[in-house]
Amino acid sequence: MDYIDKRLQNHSKGRILSTAPFSMNKSVSYRGHASAVYSVDQAVEFLDIIGLETGSEDYLPFAMTLVDSAGEFVSIAEDNGEFSAGEMLARALQDLDGFNALICVSRHV
């Protein structure tokens, strides 16, 4: 991985990986983020960190799949204003057989 967001890495104690920003046009850039998660509370904590550190609290589509401490399978996806984004992220996790994983996309305007 050639890109490291030191601020996000420090805030999450190295538990969140992020892509370099990529632009769709001159005024908007996006970044992908991923982390291993073992509970819904931990996923919410990481989403809060990502949202605050990237200034993307109002736009953070995500998907997560995990097996919780009781052995229950949990799968959650949320668009957060971007039509079908959560569903696409959930499909990516499913296609990769991703478990105990959180992925999301942040937007910076």
Protein backbone atom coordinates (compact mmCIF):
# COMPACT_ATOMS: atom_id res chain seq x y z
CA MET A 1 0.00 0.00 0.00
CA ASP A 2 1.66 3.28 -1.09
CA TYR A 3 -0.79 5.74 0.49
CA ILE A 4 -1.06 6.16 4.26
CA ASP A 5 -3.35 8.71 5.90
CA LYS A 6 -1.30 9.28 9.05
CA ARG A 7 -4.03 11.26 10.83
CA LEU A 8 -6.65 8.55 10.28
CA GLN A 9 -4.11 5.81 11.09
CA ASN A 10 -3.19 7.54 14.36
CA HIS A 11 -6.80 8.22 15.38
CA SER A 12 -7.79 4.58 14.76
CA LYS A 13 -4.54 3.15 16.19
CA GLY A 14 -3.71 1.69 12.78
CA ARG A 15 -6.96 -0.25 12.44
CA ILE A 16 -8.41 1.58 9.40
CA LEU A 17 -6.88 1.39 5.93
CA SER A 18 -7.69 4.08 3.35
CA THR A 19 -7.11 4.64 -0.33
CA ALA A 20 -5.58 7.79 -1.75
CA PRO A 21 -8.20 10.38 -2.69
CA PHE A 22 -9.49 10.15 -6.26
CA SER A 23 -11.44 12.88 -8.03
CA MET A 24 -14.50 12.56 -10.21
CA ASN A 25 -14.40 16.27 -11.02
CA LYS A 26 -12.55 19.33 -9.75
CA SER A 27 -14.76 19.90 -6.72
CA VAL A 28 -15.34 16.39 -5.30
CA SER A 29 -12.96 13.63 -4.24
CA TYR A 30 -13.66 10.17 -2.81
CA ARG A 31 -11.73 7.71 -0.67
CA GLY A 32 -12.29 4.08 0.18
CA HIS A 33 -11.80 2.81 3.74
CA ALA A 34 -11.68 -0.71 5.18
CA SER A 35 -11.25 -2.30 8.57
CA ALA A 36 -11.65 -5.59 10.35
CA VAL A 37 -14.59 -5.36 12.78
CA TYR A 38 -15.89 -7.79 15.37
CA SER A 39 -19.02 -6.01 16.61
CA VAL A 40 -21.58 -3.48 15.44
CA ASP A 41 -20.36 -1.09 18.17
CA GLN A 42 -16.81 -1.29 16.83
CA ALA A 43 -18.07 -0.65 13.27
CA VAL A 44 -20.01 2.42 14.46
CA GLU A 45 -16.90 3.68 16.27
CA PHE A 46 -14.83 3.32 13.08
CA LEU A 47 -17.51 5.00 10.94
CA ASP A 48 -17.54 7.90 13.41
CA ILE A 49 -13.74 8.20 13.22
CA ILE A 50 -13.76 8.09 9.42
CA GLY A 51 -16.60 10.61 9.18
CA LEU A 52 -14.93 13.06 11.54
CA GLU A 53 -11.41 12.71 10.12
CA THR A 54 -12.56 13.08 6.50
CA GLY A 55 -15.30 15.67 7.04
CA SER A 56 -17.80 13.21 5.60
CA GLU A 57 -20.28 12.73 8.46
CA ASP A 58 -23.31 13.32 6.22
CA TYR A 59 -22.07 11.11 3.38
CA LEU A 60 -20.59 7.75 4.30
CA PRO A 61 -22.15 4.79 2.48
CA PHE A 62 -20.95 1.54 4.01
CA ALA A 63 -21.36 -2.19 4.26
CA MET A 64 -20.25 -4.64 6.91
CA THR A 65 -20.52 -8.34 7.53
CA LEU A 66 -19.50 -9.99 10.76
CA VAL A 67 -20.04 -12.92 13.03
CA ASP A 68 -20.69 -11.48 16.48
CA SER A 69 -19.62 -12.92 19.83
CA ALA A 70 -22.84 -14.94 20.02
CA GLY A 71 -22.04 -16.58 16.67
CA GLU A 72 -24.77 -14.65 14.84
CA PHE A 73 -24.18 -13.47 11.26
CA VAL A 74 -24.75 -9.70 10.86
CA SER A 75 -24.87 -7.93 7.51
CA ILE A 76 -25.68 -4.22 7.28
CA ALA A 77 -25.51 -1.85 4.32
CA GLU A 78 -26.46 1.83 4.21
CA ASP A 79 -26.53 4.24 1.27
CA ASN A 80 -26.43 7.45 3.31
CA GLY A 81 -27.75 9.51 0.41
CA GLU A 82 -25.89 7.85 -2.45
CA PHE A 83 -28.37 5.68 -4.36
CA SER A 84 -27.38 1.97 -4.27
CA ALA A 85 -23.89 2.62 -2.87
CA GLY A 86 -24.43 0.52 0.26
CA GLU A 87 -25.85 -2.32 -1.82
CA MET A 88 -22.84 -2.25 -4.17
CA LEU A 89 -20.42 -2.32 -1.23
CA ALA A 90 -22.36 -5.21 0.36
CA ARG A 91 -22.22 -7.11 -2.93
CA ALA A 92 -18.44 -6.60 -3.08
CA LEU A 93 -18.07 -8.06 0.42
CA GLN A 94 -20.30 -10.97 -0.51
CA ASP A 95 -18.40 -11.65 -3.75
CA LEU A 96 -15.12 -11.68 -1.82
CA ASP A 97 -16.55 -13.84 0.98
CA GLY A 98 -15.67 -10.99 3.33
CA PHE A 99 -16.45 -11.58 7.00
CA ASN A 100 -15.71 -9.38 9.99
CA ALA A 101 -15.14 -6.51 7.59
CA LEU A 102 -16.32 -2.92 7.20
CA ILE A 103 -15.92 -0.98 3.96
CA CYS A 104 -17.08 2.55 3.24
CA VAL A 105 -16.55 5.51 0.92
CA SER A 106 -16.03 9.09 2.09
CA ARG A 107 -16.61 12.20 0.00
CA HIS A 108 -14.82 15.51 0.32
CA VAL A 109 -16.28 18.59 -1.37
